Amino acid sequence: MGAFIGRRLLQSALTVVAVSALVFTFMTVAGDPAILLLPPEAGTAELERFRHELGLDRPALLRYVTFMTKFWYSDAVRSFRYSDPLLPLILGHLRWTLVLAAAAMTLGLALALPLGAWAARRHGRVADVLIRLVAVVGESVPSFVTAILLMYWLAVQVPILPVAGLGWSHAILPVATLTLFQLAVLLRLLRSELLEVLGQDYVRTARSKGVGEAMILARHALRNALIPVVAMAGLLLNGLVVGAVVVEPIFAWPGLGWLLVQSVFARDYPVVVGGATIAAVLVALVNLGVDVLQVWIDPRIRTA
């Protein structure tokens, strides 16, 4: 297991470096941030002086190496737009993205597990058809459409929830938007996996011995069916961080996605590169956690 984790950490480190380099290159060629940050009447001399203060007159490779070595510990690496130390700024917004992601994933799993098991046990019945219909709708509708519809229904037509802002009541609409897709994917996957497992020989043997359906489901079928569900949950959790770029600006939720969108328009490349780097680290850690959890659920999975 130690060698397995070591290899995964090395792969994760290389992935983080590749992501940060690609984003840095994209932001470098996207345009000059000094033009946006200074007033239109600024002259050439003032632009050159401002570029020198930001370090934009140095070679791109040197700027990237300096950024990646100092970003993790030095307050000297700052946002162009906010002039705040970069890492505390990003982590301060990231915590609100993690609040949405954790709430959406927890709620999605809490609903998908019982509903998926219930649909599998009632295969072909009305309840199964209705659950599958809801799941298909949840997977088909884009997140931004869901966000706009929920906002229209619950904040405009029936104003029982706030449209935007920061707080527990403000989190209901973005969490509901993110949860719907997670629920739909996990529910359909768990249902299909349970149907396959419940048709295996060892399940039929357990039934022939008089073991009850609830015990078969809990002790035999569910654990085997959870292996692909855990892998998908990890992918969806990663997608929640990426999906925040779409959902957070709609509800003005000040998470990492909202910060990145604002920074892209302002060409605040330290924030964009730093945010993408932190997101890549988070995704790598989630993937590692999913791999370890899969091995714990089923030790037969090779860790090679």
Protein backbone atom coordinates (compact mmCIF):
# COMPACT_ATOMS: atom_id res chain seq x y z
CA MET A 1 0.00 0.00 0.00
CA GLY A 2 2.88 2.39 0.75
CA ALA A 3 4.37 1.97 -2.72
CA PHE A 4 0.91 2.40 -4.25
CA ILE A 5 0.35 5.70 -2.41
CA GLY A 6 3.86 6.88 -3.32
CA ARG A 7 3.25 6.29 -7.03
CA ARG A 8 -0.08 8.07 -6.86
CA LEU A 9 1.50 11.06 -5.10
CA LEU A 10 4.21 11.30 -7.77
CA GLN A 11 1.60 11.17 -10.54
CA SER A 12 -0.41 13.82 -8.71
CA ALA A 13 2.59 16.12 -8.40
CA LEU A 14 3.31 15.86 -12.13
CA THR A 15 -0.35 16.55 -12.90
CA VAL A 16 -0.37 19.67 -10.71
CA VAL A 17 2.76 21.01 -12.43
CA ALA A 18 1.27 20.33 -15.88
CA VAL A 19 -2.03 22.05 -15.00
CA SER A 20 -0.32 25.11 -13.53
CA ALA A 21 2.02 25.41 -16.54
CA LEU A 22 -0.84 25.20 -19.04
CA VAL A 23 -2.96 27.76 -17.20
CA PHE A 24 0.05 30.07 -16.75
CA THR A 25 0.79 29.87 -20.49
CA PHE A 26 -2.82 30.59 -21.39
CA MET A 27 -3.02 33.63 -19.10
CA THR A 28 0.34 34.93 -20.35
CA VAL A 29 -0.81 34.98 -23.98
CA ALA A 30 -4.33 36.19 -23.14
CA GLY A 31 -3.31 39.83 -22.81
CA ASP A 32 -1.63 42.49 -20.73
CA PRO A 33 -3.29 42.87 -17.29
CA ALA A 34 -1.69 46.30 -16.82
CA ILE A 35 -3.95 47.73 -19.53
CA LEU A 36 -7.06 46.66 -17.59
CA LEU A 37 -5.77 47.60 -14.14
CA LEU A 38 -4.67 51.14 -15.04
CA PRO A 39 -7.07 53.90 -16.14
CA PRO A 40 -7.46 54.47 -19.91
CA GLU A 41 -5.61 57.76 -19.78
CA ALA A 42 -2.39 56.12 -18.47
CA GLY A 43 0.59 56.79 -20.68
CA THR A 44 3.25 54.45 -22.02
CA ALA A 45 5.75 55.34 -19.29
CA GLU A 46 3.19 54.65 -16.58
CA LEU A 47 2.30 51.32 -18.18
CA GLU A 48 5.95 50.28 -18.31
CA ARG A 49 6.49 51.29 -14.69
CA PHE A 50 3.40 49.34 -13.61
CA ARG A 51 4.49 46.26 -15.57
CA HIS A 52 7.87 46.44 -13.83
CA GLU A 53 6.17 46.63 -10.41
CA LEU A 54 4.11 43.54 -11.24
CA GLY A 55 7.14 41.71 -12.65
CA LEU A 56 5.56 41.41 -16.09
CA ASP A 57 8.73 42.61 -17.81
CA ARG A 58 10.65 39.46 -16.80
CA PRO A 59 10.83 36.30 -18.99
CA ALA A 60 7.76 34.06 -18.74
CA LEU A 61 9.72 30.99 -17.61
CA LEU A 62 11.38 32.93 -14.80
CA ARG A 63 8.00 34.29 -13.69
CA TYR A 64 6.51 30.79 -13.65
CA VAL A 65 9.37 29.27 -11.65
CA THR A 66 9.29 32.17 -9.17
CA PHE A 67 5.53 31.86 -8.84
CA MET A 68 5.55 28.09 -8.22
CA THR A 69 8.38 28.27 -5.67
CA LYS A 70 7.02 31.23 -3.66
CA PHE A 71 3.28 30.71 -4.03
CA TRP A 72 3.07 28.17 -1.21
CA TYR A 73 4.69 30.20 1.56
CA SER A 74 5.51 33.80 0.60
CA ASP A 75 3.24 36.81 1.06
CA ALA A 76 5.23 38.47 -1.73
CA VAL A 77 3.09 36.64 -4.32
CA ARG A 78 -0.02 38.81 -4.48
CA SER A 79 -3.11 39.31 -6.55
CA PHE A 80 -2.83 42.02 -9.21
CA ARG A 81 -6.41 43.13 -8.60
CA TYR A 82 -6.83 42.79 -4.83
CA SER A 83 -3.17 43.25 -3.77
CA ASP A 84 -3.72 40.56 -1.11
CA PRO A 85 -1.33 37.66 -0.40
CA LEU A 86 -2.34 35.02 -2.92
CA LEU A 87 -2.59 31.76 -0.97
CA PRO A 88 -4.75 33.15 1.91
CA LEU A 89 -6.99 34.84 -0.67
CA ILE A 90 -7.56 31.60 -2.60
CA LEU A 91 -8.02 29.44 0.49
CA GLY A 92 -10.47 31.95 1.92
CA HIS A 93 -12.70 31.55 -1.13
CA LEU A 94 -12.04 27.82 -1.49
CA ARG A 95 -13.64 27.08 1.89
CA TRP A 96 -17.00 28.31 0.60
CA THR A 97 -16.70 26.11 -2.48
CA LEU A 98 -15.95 23.14 -0.22
CA VAL A 99 -19.07 23.95 1.82
CA LEU A 100 -21.20 23.63 -1.33
CA ALA A 101 -19.35 20.54 -2.56
CA ALA A 102 -19.53 18.71 0.78
CA ALA A 103 -23.22 19.54 1.27
CA ALA A 104 -24.14 18.52 -2.29
CA MET A 105 -22.18 15.25 -2.17
CA THR A 106 -23.49 14.32 1.29
CA LEU A 107 -27.07 15.02 0.31
CA GLY A 108 -26.65 13.24 -3.04
CA LEU A 109 -25.28 10.07 -1.41
CA ALA A 110 -27.84 10.17 1.40
CA LEU A 111 -30.65 10.17 -1.18
CA ALA A 112 -29.06 7.99 -3.88
CA LEU A 113 -28.25 4.99 -1.67
CA PRO A 114 -31.77 4.30 -0.35
CA LEU A 115 -33.53 5.33 -3.56
CA GLY A 116 -31.18 3.26 -5.73
CA ALA A 117 -31.62 0.21 -3.50
CA TRP A 118 -35.38 0.70 -3.43
CA ALA A 119 -35.55 0.99 -7.24
CA ALA A 120 -33.42 -2.16 -7.68
CA ARG A 121 -35.68 -4.18 -5.34
CA ARG A 122 -38.76 -2.98 -7.26
CA HIS A 123 -37.32 -3.51 -10.71
CA GLY A 124 -39.89 -2.85 -13.43
CA ARG A 125 -42.56 -1.51 -11.07
CA VAL A 126 -44.06 1.97 -11.04
CA ALA A 127 -41.70 3.24 -8.31
CA ASP A 128 -38.68 2.06 -10.30
CA VAL A 129 -39.91 3.79 -13.46
CA LEU A 130 -40.58 7.06 -11.63
CA ILE A 131 -37.17 7.05 -9.95
CA ARG A 132 -35.43 6.39 -13.26
CA LEU A 133 -37.43 9.19 -14.90
CA VAL A 134 -36.33 11.67 -12.24
CA ALA A 135 -32.73 10.49 -12.62
CA VAL A 136 -32.79 10.95 -16.41
CA VAL A 137 -34.17 14.47 -16.04
CA GLY A 138 -31.52 15.31 -13.45
CA GLU A 139 -28.72 14.12 -15.74
CA SER A 140 -30.11 15.80 -18.85
CA VAL A 141 -30.71 19.35 -17.61
CA PRO A 142 -27.53 21.50 -17.47
CA SER A 143 -26.60 22.94 -14.08
CA PHE A 144 -27.00 26.55 -15.17
CA VAL A 145 -30.54 25.83 -16.41
CA THR A 146 -31.40 24.15 -13.10
CA ALA A 147 -29.96 27.14 -11.24
CA ILE A 148 -32.01 29.65 -13.23
CA LEU A 149 -35.22 27.62 -12.86
CA LEU A 150 -34.79 27.21 -9.10
CA MET A 151 -34.00 30.89 -8.75
CA TYR A 152 -37.09 31.82 -10.77
CA TRP A 153 -39.44 29.51 -8.87
CA LEU A 154 -38.18 29.83 -5.31
CA ALA A 155 -36.73 33.34 -5.26
CA VAL A 156 -38.89 35.26 -7.73
CA GLN A 157 -42.29 33.61 -8.19
CA VAL A 158 -42.49 32.33 -4.61
CA PRO A 159 -39.91 34.47 -2.77
CA ILE A 160 -39.08 32.11 0.07
CA LEU A 161 -35.31 31.97 -0.52
CA PRO A 162 -32.74 34.70 -1.17
CA VAL A 163 -31.46 35.06 -4.73
CA ALA A 164 -27.79 35.54 -3.92
CA GLY A 165 -25.37 36.13 -1.08
CA LEU A 166 -23.51 34.30 1.65
CA GLY A 167 -25.21 32.39 4.47
CA TRP A 168 -27.02 29.16 5.25
CA SER A 169 -30.27 30.27 3.61
CA HIS A 170 -28.31 31.56 0.61
CA ALA A 171 -26.65 28.12 0.22
CA ILE A 172 -29.93 26.23 -0.31
CA LEU A 173 -30.37 27.06 -3.99
CA PRO A 174 -26.75 26.41 -5.10
CA VAL A 175 -26.62 23.20 -3.04
CA ALA A 176 -29.91 22.03 -4.56
CA THR A 177 -28.60 22.82 -8.05
CA LEU A 178 -25.42 20.81 -7.53
CA THR A 179 -27.18 17.96 -5.70
CA LEU A 180 -29.66 17.18 -8.46
CA PHE A 181 -26.99 16.05 -10.92
CA GLN A 182 -25.03 14.09 -8.30
CA LEU A 183 -28.21 12.34 -7.18
CA ALA A 184 -29.24 11.41 -10.71
CA VAL A 185 -25.87 9.89 -11.66
CA LEU A 186 -25.29 8.01 -8.41
CA LEU A 187 -28.87 6.72 -8.25
CA ARG A 188 -28.81 5.25 -11.76
CA LEU A 189 -25.36 3.73 -11.26
CA LEU A 190 -26.20 2.13 -7.92
CA ARG A 191 -29.47 0.75 -9.27
CA SER A 192 -27.80 -0.85 -12.29
CA GLU A 193 -24.95 -2.28 -10.18
CA LEU A 194 -27.35 -3.73 -7.62
CA LEU A 195 -29.44 -5.36 -10.34
CA GLU A 196 -26.30 -7.03 -11.70
CA VAL A 197 -25.12 -8.15 -8.26
CA LEU A 198 -28.54 -9.44 -7.20
CA GLY A 199 -28.48 -11.80 -10.17
CA GLN A 200 -25.20 -13.45 -9.15
CA ASP A 201 -24.99 -17.09 -8.04
CA TYR A 202 -23.96 -16.33 -4.45
CA VAL A 203 -27.07 -14.16 -4.01
CA ARG A 204 -29.32 -16.94 -5.28
CA THR A 205 -27.53 -19.34 -2.92
CA ALA A 206 -28.19 -17.02 0.01
CA ARG A 207 -31.86 -16.82 -0.93
CA SER A 208 -32.08 -20.62 -1.13
CA LYS A 209 -30.72 -20.80 2.43
CA GLY A 210 -33.55 -18.60 3.62
CA VAL A 211 -31.57 -15.36 4.09
CA GLY A 212 -33.92 -12.36 4.00
CA GLU A 213 -33.78 -9.81 1.19
CA ALA A 214 -32.79 -6.98 3.53
CA MET A 215 -29.84 -9.01 4.86
CA ILE A 216 -28.78 -10.02 1.34
CA LEU A 217 -28.87 -6.41 0.26
CA ALA A 218 -26.97 -5.07 3.28
CA ARG A 219 -24.32 -7.78 3.75
CA HIS A 220 -23.75 -9.15 0.26
CA ALA A 221 -25.02 -7.01 -2.60
CA LEU A 222 -24.48 -3.46 -1.43
CA ARG A 223 -20.77 -3.74 -0.66
CA ASN A 224 -19.94 -5.13 -4.10
CA ALA A 225 -22.21 -2.60 -5.81
CA LEU A 226 -20.55 0.30 -3.98
CA ILE A 227 -17.14 -0.14 -5.66
CA PRO A 228 -18.04 1.68 -8.93
CA VAL A 229 -20.29 4.08 -7.00
CA VAL A 230 -17.33 5.18 -4.86
CA ALA A 231 -15.24 5.78 -8.00
CA MET A 232 -18.05 7.80 -9.58
CA ALA A 233 -18.57 9.77 -6.37
CA GLY A 234 -14.91 10.79 -6.49
CA LEU A 235 -15.26 11.97 -10.08
CA LEU A 236 -18.41 13.87 -9.21
CA LEU A 237 -16.74 15.49 -6.21
CA ASN A 238 -13.99 16.70 -8.53
CA GLY A 239 -16.68 17.92 -10.90
CA LEU A 240 -18.29 19.91 -8.11
CA VAL A 241 -15.16 22.03 -7.79
CA VAL A 242 -15.13 22.62 -11.56
CA GLY A 243 -18.91 23.07 -11.70
CA ALA A 244 -18.65 25.83 -9.11
CA VAL A 245 -17.31 28.06 -11.90
CA VAL A 246 -20.79 27.87 -13.46
CA VAL A 247 -23.04 27.81 -10.39
CA GLU A 248 -21.30 30.21 -8.00
CA PRO A 249 -21.42 33.31 -10.24
CA ILE A 250 -25.16 32.77 -10.82
CA PHE A 251 -25.88 32.93 -7.08
CA ALA A 252 -23.02 35.37 -6.29
CA TRP A 253 -21.61 32.75 -3.93
CA PRO A 254 -18.06 33.91 -3.09
CA GLY A 255 -16.30 30.60 -3.61
CA LEU A 256 -13.30 29.67 -5.72
CA GLY A 257 -15.36 29.48 -8.91
CA TRP A 258 -16.68 33.01 -8.44
CA LEU A 259 -13.16 34.28 -7.72
CA LEU A 260 -11.70 32.60 -10.82
CA VAL A 261 -14.37 34.03 -13.11
CA GLN A 262 -13.77 37.54 -11.78
CA SER A 263 -10.01 37.09 -12.10
CA VAL A 264 -10.14 35.80 -15.67
CA PHE A 265 -12.00 38.91 -16.81
CA ALA A 266 -9.53 41.11 -14.93
CA ARG A 267 -6.53 39.11 -16.28
CA ASP A 268 -5.39 38.64 -12.69
CA TYR A 269 -3.22 35.70 -13.69
CA PRO A 270 -1.69 35.01 -10.23
CA VAL A 271 -5.19 34.28 -8.88
CA VAL A 272 -6.17 32.20 -11.93
CA VAL A 273 -2.98 30.14 -11.91
CA GLY A 274 -2.99 29.79 -8.13
CA GLY A 275 -6.67 28.81 -8.08
CA ALA A 276 -6.17 26.23 -10.82
CA THR A 277 -3.15 24.84 -8.97
CA ILE A 278 -5.05 24.48 -5.70
CA ALA A 279 -7.97 22.89 -7.56
CA ALA A 280 -5.57 20.40 -9.18
CA VAL A 281 -4.12 19.53 -5.76
CA LEU A 282 -7.62 19.00 -4.39
CA VAL A 283 -8.61 16.77 -7.31
CA ALA A 284 -5.43 14.72 -6.91
CA LEU A 285 -6.11 14.19 -3.20
CA VAL A 286 -9.70 13.16 -3.88
CA ASN A 287 -8.57 10.66 -6.52
CA LEU A 288 -6.02 9.20 -4.10
CA GLY A 289 -8.66 8.92 -1.39
CA VAL A 290 -11.03 7.15 -3.80
CA ASP A 291 -8.31 4.65 -4.81
CA VAL A 292 -7.54 3.84 -1.16
CA LEU A 293 -11.22 3.55 -0.29
CA GLN A 294 -11.83 1.13 -3.17
CA VAL A 295 -9.01 -1.10 -1.97
CA TRP A 296 -10.47 -1.00 1.57
CA ILE A 297 -13.94 -1.97 0.30
CA ASP A 298 -12.60 -4.81 -1.81
CA PRO A 299 -9.01 -5.93 -0.99
CA ARG A 300 -9.04 -8.05 -4.17
CA ILE A 301 -8.46 -4.85 -6.16
CA ARG A 302 -4.79 -4.76 -7.08
CA THR A 303 -2.86 -1.69 -5.97
CA ALA A 304 -0.34 -2.03 -8.78
